[in-house]
Amino acid sequence: MAEQKKQDTNQLLKVRREKLADLQANGKDPFQITKFDQTHHSLEVKNLYEAHEAEILKDHKHRQEKSSNRTMKKEEKSWMRTRST
């Protein structure tokens, strides 16, 4: 049983090494350190997101108010028509 486990482990390591070699041959080394230029800090991103969301909500609320005003005007016109007849 111990011998079988050792063979399985060796086979697994062999497969992993082959996959690593394939990646490296294709220019995709998973162990290569990749560095990106920092443009924002997390607090800035959070503040930008919150400001953007607030603007969207404000715009959405404004559209709802306009829509409800139009509905009310239609109802008022309908009421005026029925009252005048």
PDB file of N, CA and C in Angstrom:
ATOM      1  N   MET A   1       0.824  -1.207   0.000  1.00  0.00           N
ATOM      2  CA  MET A   1       0.000   0.000   0.000  1.00  0.00           C
ATOM      3  C   MET A   1       0.864   1.265   0.000  1.00  0.00           C
ATOM      4  N   ALA A   2       1.926   1.270   0.819  1.00  0.00           N
ATOM      5  CA  ALA A   2       2.818   2.419   0.891  1.00  0.00           C
ATOM      6  C   ALA A   2       3.550   2.606  -0.434  1.00  0.00           C
ATOM      7  N   GLU A   3       3.909   1.485  -1.069  1.00  0.00           N
ATOM      8  CA  GLU A   3       4.594   1.545  -2.358  1.00  0.00           C
ATOM      9  C   GLU A   3       3.681   2.141  -3.426  1.00  0.00           C
ATOM     10  N   GLN A   4       2.407   1.758  -3.413  1.00  0.00           N
ATOM     11  CA  GLN A   4       1.423   2.280  -4.375  1.00  0.00           C
ATOM     12  C   GLN A   4       1.238   3.783  -4.182  1.00  0.00           C
ATOM     13  N   LYS A   5       1.177   4.218  -2.937  1.00  0.00           N
ATOM     14  CA  LYS A   5       1.023   5.639  -2.627  1.00  0.00           C
ATOM     15  C   LYS A   5       2.231   6.435  -3.123  1.00  0.00           C
ATOM     16  N   LYS A   6       3.427   5.869  -2.970  1.00  0.00           N
ATOM     17  CA  LYS A   6       4.641   6.531  -3.417  1.00  0.00           C
ATOM     18  C   LYS A   6       4.653   6.649  -4.940  1.00  0.00           C
ATOM     19  N   GLN A   7       4.192   5.598  -5.637  1.00  0.00           N
ATOM     20  CA  GLN A   7       4.127   5.638  -7.097  1.00  0.00           C
ATOM     21  C   GLN A   7       3.119   6.691  -7.566  1.00  0.00           C
ATOM     22  N   ASP A   8       1.968   6.751  -6.887  1.00  0.00           N
ATOM     23  CA  ASP A   8       0.950   7.748  -7.239  1.00  0.00           C
ATOM     24  C   ASP A   8       1.508   9.165  -7.071  1.00  0.00           C
ATOM     25  N   THR A   9       2.230   9.382  -5.980  1.00  0.00           N
ATOM     26  CA  THR A   9       2.824  10.696  -5.717  1.00  0.00           C
ATOM     27  C   THR A   9       3.864  11.033  -6.780  1.00  0.00           C
ATOM     28  N   ASN A  10       4.705  10.068  -7.123  1.00  0.00           N
ATOM     29  CA  ASN A  10       5.720  10.295  -8.153  1.00  0.00           C
ATOM     30  C   ASN A  10       5.070  10.605  -9.505  1.00  0.00           C
ATOM     31  N   GLN A  11       4.017   9.867  -9.840  1.00  0.00           N
ATOM     32  CA  GLN A  11       3.314  10.103 -11.099  1.00  0.00           C
ATOM     33  C   GLN A  11       2.686  11.496 -11.107  1.00  0.00           C
ATOM     34  N   LEU A  12       2.090  11.888  -9.987  1.00  0.00           N
ATOM     35  CA  LEU A  12       1.478  13.212  -9.870  1.00  0.00           C
ATOM     36  C   LEU A  12       2.535  14.311 -10.042  1.00  0.00           C
ATOM     37  N   LEU A  13       3.676  14.159  -9.394  1.00  0.00           N
ATOM     38  CA  LEU A  13       4.755  15.145  -9.518  1.00  0.00           C
ATOM     39  C   LEU A  13       5.257  15.220 -10.957  1.00  0.00           C
ATOM     40  N   LYS A  14       5.360  14.071 -11.611  1.00  0.00           N
ATOM     41  CA  LYS A  14       5.809  14.047 -13.006  1.00  0.00           C
ATOM     42  C   LYS A  14       4.841  14.828 -13.898  1.00  0.00           C
ATOM     43  N   VAL A  15       3.542  14.593 -13.721  1.00  0.00           N
ATOM     44  CA  VAL A  15       2.523  15.293 -14.522  1.00  0.00           C
ATOM     45  C   VAL A  15       2.598  16.798 -14.263  1.00  0.00           C
ATOM     46  N   ARG A  16       2.741  17.179 -13.009  1.00  0.00           N
ATOM     47  CA  ARG A  16       2.823  18.608 -12.672  1.00  0.00           C
ATOM     48  C   ARG A  16       4.054  19.267 -13.283  1.00  0.00           C
ATOM     49  N   ARG A  17       5.182  18.572 -13.252  1.00  0.00           N
ATOM     50  CA  ARG A  17       6.403  19.124 -13.853  1.00  0.00           C
ATOM     51  C   ARG A  17       6.251  19.289 -15.365  1.00  0.00           C
ATOM     52  N   GLU A  18       5.586  18.323 -15.997  1.00  0.00           N
ATOM     53  CA  GLU A  18       5.348  18.417 -17.443  1.00  0.00           C
ATOM     54  C   GLU A  18       4.456  19.616 -17.772  1.00  0.00           C
ATOM     55  N   LYS A  19       3.419  19.804 -16.975  1.00  0.00           N
ATOM     56  CA  LYS A  19       2.524  20.950 -17.198  1.00  0.00           C
ATOM     57  C   LYS A  19       3.261  22.270 -16.995  1.00  0.00           C
ATOM     58  N   LEU A  20       4.124  22.319 -15.976  1.00  0.00           N
ATOM     59  CA  LEU A  20       4.916  23.522 -15.731  1.00  0.00           C
ATOM     60  C   LEU A  20       5.847  23.798 -16.902  1.00  0.00           C
ATOM     61  N   ALA A  21       6.486  22.759 -17.412  1.00  0.00           N
ATOM     62  CA  ALA A  21       7.397  22.923 -18.550  1.00  0.00           C
ATOM     63  C   ALA A  21       6.642  23.426 -19.779  1.00  0.00           C
ATOM     64  N   ASP A  22       5.416  22.907 -20.007  1.00  0.00           N
ATOM     65  CA  ASP A  22       4.604  23.367 -21.140  1.00  0.00           C
ATOM     66  C   ASP A  22       4.251  24.850 -20.994  1.00  0.00           C
ATOM     67  N   LEU A  23       3.864  25.232 -19.798  1.00  0.00           N
ATOM     68  CA  LEU A  23       3.530  26.642 -19.564  1.00  0.00           C
ATOM     69  C   LEU A  23       4.745  27.533 -19.819  1.00  0.00           C
ATOM     70  N   GLN A  24       5.877  27.160 -19.265  1.00  0.00           N
ATOM     71  CA  GLN A  24       7.087  27.963 -19.425  1.00  0.00           C
ATOM     72  C   GLN A  24       7.525  28.026 -20.880  1.00  0.00           C
ATOM     73  N   ALA A  25       7.352  26.930 -21.617  1.00  0.00           N
ATOM     74  CA  ALA A  25       7.712  26.914 -23.036  1.00  0.00           C
ATOM     75  C   ALA A  25       6.821  27.858 -23.837  1.00  0.00           C
ATOM     76  N   ASN A  26       5.592  28.053 -23.379  1.00  0.00           N
ATOM     77  CA  ASN A  26       4.651  28.961 -24.048  1.00  0.00           C
ATOM     78  C   ASN A  26       4.728  30.393 -23.515  1.00  0.00           C
ATOM     79  N   GLY A  27       5.751  30.663 -22.689  1.00  0.00           N
ATOM     80  CA  GLY A  27       5.946  32.023 -22.194  1.00  0.00           C
ATOM     81  C   GLY A  27       5.008  32.409 -21.063  1.00  0.00           C
ATOM     82  N   LYS A  28       4.442  31.436 -20.378  1.00  0.00           N
ATOM     83  CA  LYS A  28       3.526  31.732 -19.272  1.00  0.00           C
ATOM     84  C   LYS A  28       4.046  31.084 -17.993  1.00  0.00           C
ATOM     85  N   ASP A  29       5.096  31.642 -17.479  1.00  0.00           N
ATOM     86  CA  ASP A  29       5.714  31.100 -16.269  1.00  0.00           C
ATOM     87  C   ASP A  29       4.918  31.549 -15.041  1.00  0.00           C
ATOM     88  N   PRO A  30       4.293  30.610 -14.341  1.00  0.00           N
ATOM     89  CA  PRO A  30       3.479  31.000 -13.183  1.00  0.00           C
ATOM     90  C   PRO A  30       4.294  31.525 -12.001  1.00  0.00           C
ATOM     91  N   PHE A  31       5.598  31.304 -12.029  1.00  0.00           N
ATOM     92  CA  PHE A  31       6.445  31.760 -10.935  1.00  0.00           C
ATOM     93  C   PHE A  31       7.144  33.080 -11.233  1.00  0.00           C
ATOM     94  N   GLN A  32       6.895  33.623 -12.397  1.00  0.00           N
ATOM     95  CA  GLN A  32       7.491  34.910 -12.760  1.00  0.00           C
ATOM     96  C   GLN A  32       6.759  36.015 -12.000  1.00  0.00           C
ATOM     97  N   ILE A  33       7.511  36.926 -11.437  1.00  0.00           N
ATOM     98  CA  ILE A  33       6.913  38.027 -10.683  1.00  0.00           C
ATOM     99  C   ILE A  33       6.420  39.080 -11.666  1.00  0.00           C
ATOM    100  N   THR A  34       5.145  39.392 -11.563  1.00  0.00           N
ATOM    101  CA  THR A  34       4.533  40.397 -12.426  1.00  0.00           C
ATOM    102  C   THR A  34       4.213  41.610 -11.573  1.00  0.00           C
ATOM    103  N   LYS A  35       4.593  42.766 -12.052  1.00  0.00           N
ATOM    104  CA  LYS A  35       4.372  43.989 -11.282  1.00  0.00           C
ATOM    105  C   LYS A  35       3.541  44.957 -12.108  1.00  0.00           C
ATOM    106  N   PHE A  36       2.577  45.575 -11.472  1.00  0.00           N
ATOM    107  CA  PHE A  36       1.714  46.547 -12.116  1.00  0.00           C
ATOM    108  C   PHE A  36       1.905  47.906 -11.451  1.00  0.00           C
ATOM    109  N   ASP A  37       1.795  48.960 -12.243  1.00  0.00           N
ATOM    110  CA  ASP A  37       1.878  50.298 -11.684  1.00  0.00           C
ATOM    111  C   ASP A  37       0.609  50.593 -10.899  1.00  0.00           C
ATOM    112  N   GLN A  38       0.769  51.140  -9.709  1.00  0.00           N
ATOM    113  CA  GLN A  38      -0.369  51.455  -8.865  1.00  0.00           C
ATOM    114  C   GLN A  38      -0.933  52.809  -9.274  1.00  0.00           C
ATOM    115  N   THR A  39      -2.224  52.852  -9.577  1.00  0.00           N
ATOM    116  CA  THR A  39      -2.854  54.107  -9.973  1.00  0.00           C
ATOM    117  C   THR A  39      -3.789  54.639  -8.893  1.00  0.00           C
ATOM    118  N   HIS A  40      -4.344  53.755  -8.068  1.00  0.00           N
ATOM    119  CA  HIS A  40      -5.264  54.157  -7.011  1.00  0.00           C
ATOM    120  C   HIS A  40      -5.016  53.307  -5.770  1.00  0.00           C
ATOM    121  N   HIS A  41      -5.410  53.856  -4.649  1.00  0.00           N
ATOM    122  CA  HIS A  41      -5.417  53.092  -3.403  1.00  0.00           C
ATOM    123  C   HIS A  41      -6.840  52.603  -3.168  1.00  0.00           C
ATOM    124  N   SER A  42      -6.982  51.601  -2.341  1.00  0.00           N
ATOM    125  CA  SER A  42      -8.300  50.996  -2.125  1.00  0.00           C
ATOM    126  C   SER A  42      -9.319  52.009  -1.603  1.00  0.00           C
ATOM    127  N   LEU A  43      -8.915  52.930  -0.758  1.00  0.00           N
ATOM    128  CA  LEU A  43      -9.840  53.932  -0.230  1.00  0.00           C
ATOM    129  C   LEU A  43     -10.342  54.847  -1.352  1.00  0.00           C
ATOM    130  N   GLU A  44      -9.453  55.204  -2.280  1.00  0.00           N
ATOM    131  CA  GLU A  44      -9.868  56.033  -3.417  1.00  0.00           C
ATOM    132  C   GLU A  44     -10.880  55.293  -4.287  1.00  0.00           C
ATOM    133  N   VAL A  45     -10.620  54.021  -4.526  1.00  0.00           N
ATOM    134  CA  VAL A  45     -11.539  53.220  -5.344  1.00  0.00           C
ATOM    135  C   VAL A  45     -12.899  53.139  -4.662  1.00  0.00           C
ATOM    136  N   LYS A  46     -12.894  52.910  -3.366  1.00  0.00           N
ATOM    137  CA  LYS A  46     -14.150  52.822  -2.616  1.00  0.00           C
ATOM    138  C   LYS A  46     -14.906  54.149  -2.696  1.00  0.00           C
ATOM    139  N   ASN A  47     -14.221  55.263  -2.519  1.00  0.00           N
ATOM    140  CA  ASN A  47     -14.877  56.569  -2.585  1.00  0.00           C
ATOM    141  C   ASN A  47     -15.421  56.861  -3.979  1.00  0.00           C
ATOM    142  N   LEU A  48     -14.658  56.504  -5.014  1.00  0.00           N
ATOM    143  CA  LEU A  48     -15.137  56.692  -6.384  1.00  0.00           C
ATOM    144  C   LEU A  48     -16.385  55.859  -6.646  1.00  0.00           C
ATOM    145  N   TYR A  49     -16.376  54.633  -6.160  1.00  0.00           N
ATOM    146  CA  TYR A  49     -17.529  53.748  -6.331  1.00  0.00           C
ATOM    147  C   TYR A  49     -18.759  54.308  -5.631  1.00  0.00           C
ATOM    148  N   GLU A  50     -18.591  54.740  -4.387  1.00  0.00           N
ATOM    149  CA  GLU A  50     -19.726  55.283  -3.634  1.00  0.00           C
ATOM    150  C   GLU A  50     -20.277  56.544  -4.297  1.00  0.00           C
ATOM    151  N   ALA A  51     -19.416  57.406  -4.800  1.00  0.00           N
ATOM    152  CA  ALA A  51     -19.870  58.623  -5.483  1.00  0.00           C
ATOM    153  C   ALA A  51     -20.620  58.263  -6.752  1.00  0.00           C
ATOM    154  N   HIS A  52     -20.118  57.291  -7.482  1.00  0.00           N
ATOM    155  CA  HIS A  52     -20.772  56.846  -8.718  1.00  0.00           C
ATOM    156  C   HIS A  52     -22.152  56.253  -8.414  1.00  0.00           C
ATOM    157  N   GLU A  53     -22.223  55.414  -7.394  1.00  0.00           N
ATOM    158  CA  GLU A  53     -23.500  54.815  -7.003  1.00  0.00           C
ATOM    159  C   GLU A  53     -24.492  55.883  -6.556  1.00  0.00           C
ATOM    160  N   ALA A  54     -24.034  56.873  -5.807  1.00  0.00           N
ATOM    161  CA  ALA A  54     -24.915  57.945  -5.351  1.00  0.00           C
ATOM    162  C   ALA A  54     -25.469  58.718  -6.543  1.00  0.00           C
ATOM    163  N   GLU A  55     -24.649  58.959  -7.543  1.00  0.00           N
ATOM    164  CA  GLU A  55     -25.089  59.672  -8.755  1.00  0.00           C
ATOM    165  C   GLU A  55     -26.130  58.857  -9.511  1.00  0.00           C
ATOM    166  N   ILE A  56     -25.898  57.555  -9.612  1.00  0.00           N
ATOM    167  CA  ILE A  56     -26.855  56.689 -10.299  1.00  0.00           C
ATOM    168  C   ILE A  56     -28.185  56.680  -9.556  1.00  0.00           C
ATOM    169  N   LEU A  57     -28.137  56.550  -8.229  1.00  0.00           N
ATOM    170  CA  LEU A  57     -29.373  56.529  -7.441  1.00  0.00           C
ATOM    171  C   LEU A  57     -30.115  57.857  -7.543  1.00  0.00           C
ATOM    172  N   LYS A  58     -29.365  58.954  -7.533  1.00  0.00           N
ATOM    173  CA  LYS A  58     -29.990  60.273  -7.650  1.00  0.00           C
ATOM    174  C   LYS A  58     -30.691  60.398  -9.002  1.00  0.00           C
ATOM    175  N   ASP A  59     -30.025  59.977 -10.057  1.00  0.00           N
ATOM    176  CA  ASP A  59     -30.603  60.028 -11.400  1.00  0.00           C
ATOM    177  C   ASP A  59     -31.830  59.132 -11.494  1.00  0.00           C
ATOM    178  N   HIS A  60     -31.752  57.948 -10.899  1.00  0.00           N
ATOM    179  CA  HIS A  60     -32.885  57.013 -10.921  1.00  0.00           C
ATOM    180  C   HIS A  60     -34.081  57.597 -10.164  1.00  0.00           C
ATOM    181  N   LYS A  61     -33.819  58.202  -9.019  1.00  0.00           N
ATOM    182  CA  LYS A  61     -34.893  58.805  -8.223  1.00  0.00           C
ATOM    183  C   LYS A  61     -35.529  59.966  -8.983  1.00  0.00           C
ATOM    184  N   HIS A  62     -34.704  60.764  -9.666  1.00  0.00           N
ATOM    185  CA  HIS A  62     -35.203  61.886 -10.448  1.00  0.00           C
ATOM    186  C   HIS A  62     -36.115  61.385 -11.572  1.00  0.00           C
ATOM    187  N   ARG A  63     -35.720  60.301 -12.236  1.00  0.00           N
ATOM    188  CA  ARG A  63     -36.557  59.724 -13.301  1.00  0.00           C
ATOM    189  C   ARG A  63     -37.874  59.217 -12.751  1.00  0.00           C
ATOM    190  N   GLN A  64     -37.846  58.606 -11.581  1.00  0.00           N
ATOM    191  CA  GLN A  64     -39.078  58.107 -10.975  1.00  0.00           C
ATOM    192  C   GLN A  64     -40.019  59.260 -10.639  1.00  0.00           C
ATOM    193  N   GLU A  65     -39.457  60.359 -10.133  1.00  0.00           N
ATOM    194  CA  GLU A  65     -40.289  61.515  -9.801  1.00  0.00           C
ATOM    195  C   GLU A  65     -40.932  62.079 -11.060  1.00  0.00           C
ATOM    196  N   LYS A  66     -40.173  62.180 -12.145  1.00  0.00           N
ATOM    197  CA  LYS A  66     -40.726  62.676 -13.404  1.00  0.00           C
ATOM    198  C   LYS A  66     -41.835  61.760 -13.894  1.00  0.00           C
ATOM    199  N   SER A  67     -41.604  60.469 -13.798  1.00  0.00           N
ATOM    200  CA  SER A  67     -42.584  59.488 -14.252  1.00  0.00           C
ATOM    201  C   SER A  67     -43.862  59.577 -13.424  1.00  0.00           C
ATOM    202  N   SER A  68     -43.725  59.707 -12.112  1.00  0.00           N
ATOM    203  CA  SER A  68     -44.915  59.786 -11.265  1.00  0.00           C
ATOM    204  C   SER A  68     -45.658  61.099 -11.506  1.00  0.00           C
ATOM    205  N   ASN A  69     -44.933  62.183 -11.811  1.00  0.00           N
ATOM    206  CA  ASN A  69     -45.591  63.455 -12.129  1.00  0.00           C
ATOM    207  C   ASN A  69     -46.400  63.333 -13.414  1.00  0.00           C
ATOM    208  N   ARG A  70     -45.825  62.642 -14.429  1.00  0.00           N
ATOM    209  CA  ARG A  70     -46.558  62.457 -15.678  1.00  0.00           C
ATOM    210  C   ARG A  70     -47.804  61.624 -15.448  1.00  0.00           C
ATOM    211  N   THR A  71     -47.707  60.612 -14.642  1.00  0.00           N
ATOM    212  CA  THR A  71     -48.858  59.768 -14.347  1.00  0.00           C
ATOM    213  C   THR A  71     -49.933  60.582 -13.647  1.00  0.00           C
ATOM    214  N   MET A  72     -49.523  61.426 -12.696  1.00  0.00           N
ATOM    215  CA  MET A  72     -50.487  62.242 -11.977  1.00  0.00           C
ATOM    216  C   MET A  72     -51.174  63.220 -12.938  1.00  0.00           C
ATOM    217  N   LYS A  73     -50.423  63.802 -13.834  1.00  0.00           N
ATOM    218  CA  LYS A  73     -51.019  64.742 -14.779  1.00  0.00           C
ATOM    219  C   LYS A  73     -52.026  64.048 -15.668  1.00  0.00           C
ATOM    220  N   LYS A  74     -51.735  62.823 -16.108  1.00  0.00           N
ATOM    221  CA  LYS A  74     -52.675  62.064 -16.921  1.00  0.00           C
ATOM    222  C   LYS A  74     -53.956  61.796 -16.139  1.00  0.00           C
ATOM    223  N   GLU A  75     -53.794  61.427 -14.871  1.00  0.00           N
ATOM    224  CA  GLU A  75     -54.961  61.156 -14.034  1.00  0.00           C
ATOM    225  C   GLU A  75     -55.774  62.429 -13.819  1.00  0.00           C
ATOM    226  N   GLU A  76     -55.086  63.567 -13.628  1.00  0.00           N
ATOM    227  CA  GLU A  76     -55.793  64.834 -13.454  1.00  0.00           C
ATOM    228  C   GLU A  76     -56.567  65.185 -14.718  1.00  0.00           C
ATOM    229  N   LYS A  77     -55.958  64.980 -15.877  1.00  0.00           N
ATOM    230  CA  LYS A  77     -56.644  65.266 -17.131  1.00  0.00           C
ATOM    231  C   LYS A  77     -57.855  64.365 -17.289  1.00  0.00           C
ATOM    232  N   SER A  78     -57.689  63.111 -16.940  1.00  0.00           N
ATOM    233  CA  SER A  78     -58.799  62.177 -17.051  1.00  0.00           C
ATOM    234  C   SER A  78     -59.932  62.586 -16.104  1.00  0.00           C
ATOM    235  N   TRP A  79     -59.575  62.995 -14.915  1.00  0.00           N
ATOM    236  CA  TRP A  79     -60.570  63.413 -13.948  1.00  0.00           C
ATOM    237  C   TRP A  79     -61.277  64.676 -14.440  1.00  0.00           C
ATOM    238  N   MET A  80     -60.521  65.588 -15.012  1.00  0.00           N
ATOM    239  CA  MET A  80     -61.105  66.829 -15.523  1.00  0.00           C
ATOM    240  C   MET A  80     -62.071  66.514 -16.666  1.00  0.00           C
ATOM    241  N   ARG A  81     -61.717  65.580 -17.533  1.00  0.00           N
ATOM    242  CA  ARG A  81     -62.607  65.223 -18.654  1.00  0.00           C
ATOM    243  C   ARG A  81     -63.908  64.635 -18.125  1.00  0.00           C
ATOM    244  N   THR A  82     -63.825  63.733 -17.170  1.00  0.00           N
ATOM    245  CA  THR A  82     -65.046  63.105 -16.660  1.00  0.00           C
ATOM    246  C   THR A  82     -65.882  64.113 -15.901  1.00  0.00           C
ATOM    247  N   ARG A  83     -65.287  65.063 -15.275  1.00  0.00           N
ATOM    248  CA  ARG A  83     -66.022  66.065 -14.501  1.00  0.00           C
ATOM    249  C   ARG A  83     -66.731  67.052 -15.408  1.00  0.00           C
ATOM    250  N   SER A  84     -66.095  67.397 -16.557  1.00  0.00           N
ATOM    251  CA  SER A  84     -66.690  68.389 -17.445  1.00  0.00           C
ATOM    252  C   SER A  84     -67.827  67.828 -18.294  1.00  0.00           C
ATOM    253  N   THR A  85     -67.956  66.519 -18.375  1.00  0.00           N
ATOM    254  CA  THR A  85     -69.022  65.955 -19.211  1.00  0.00           C
ATOM    255  C   THR A  85     -70.282  65.705 -18.450  1.00  0.00           C
TER     256      THR A  85
END
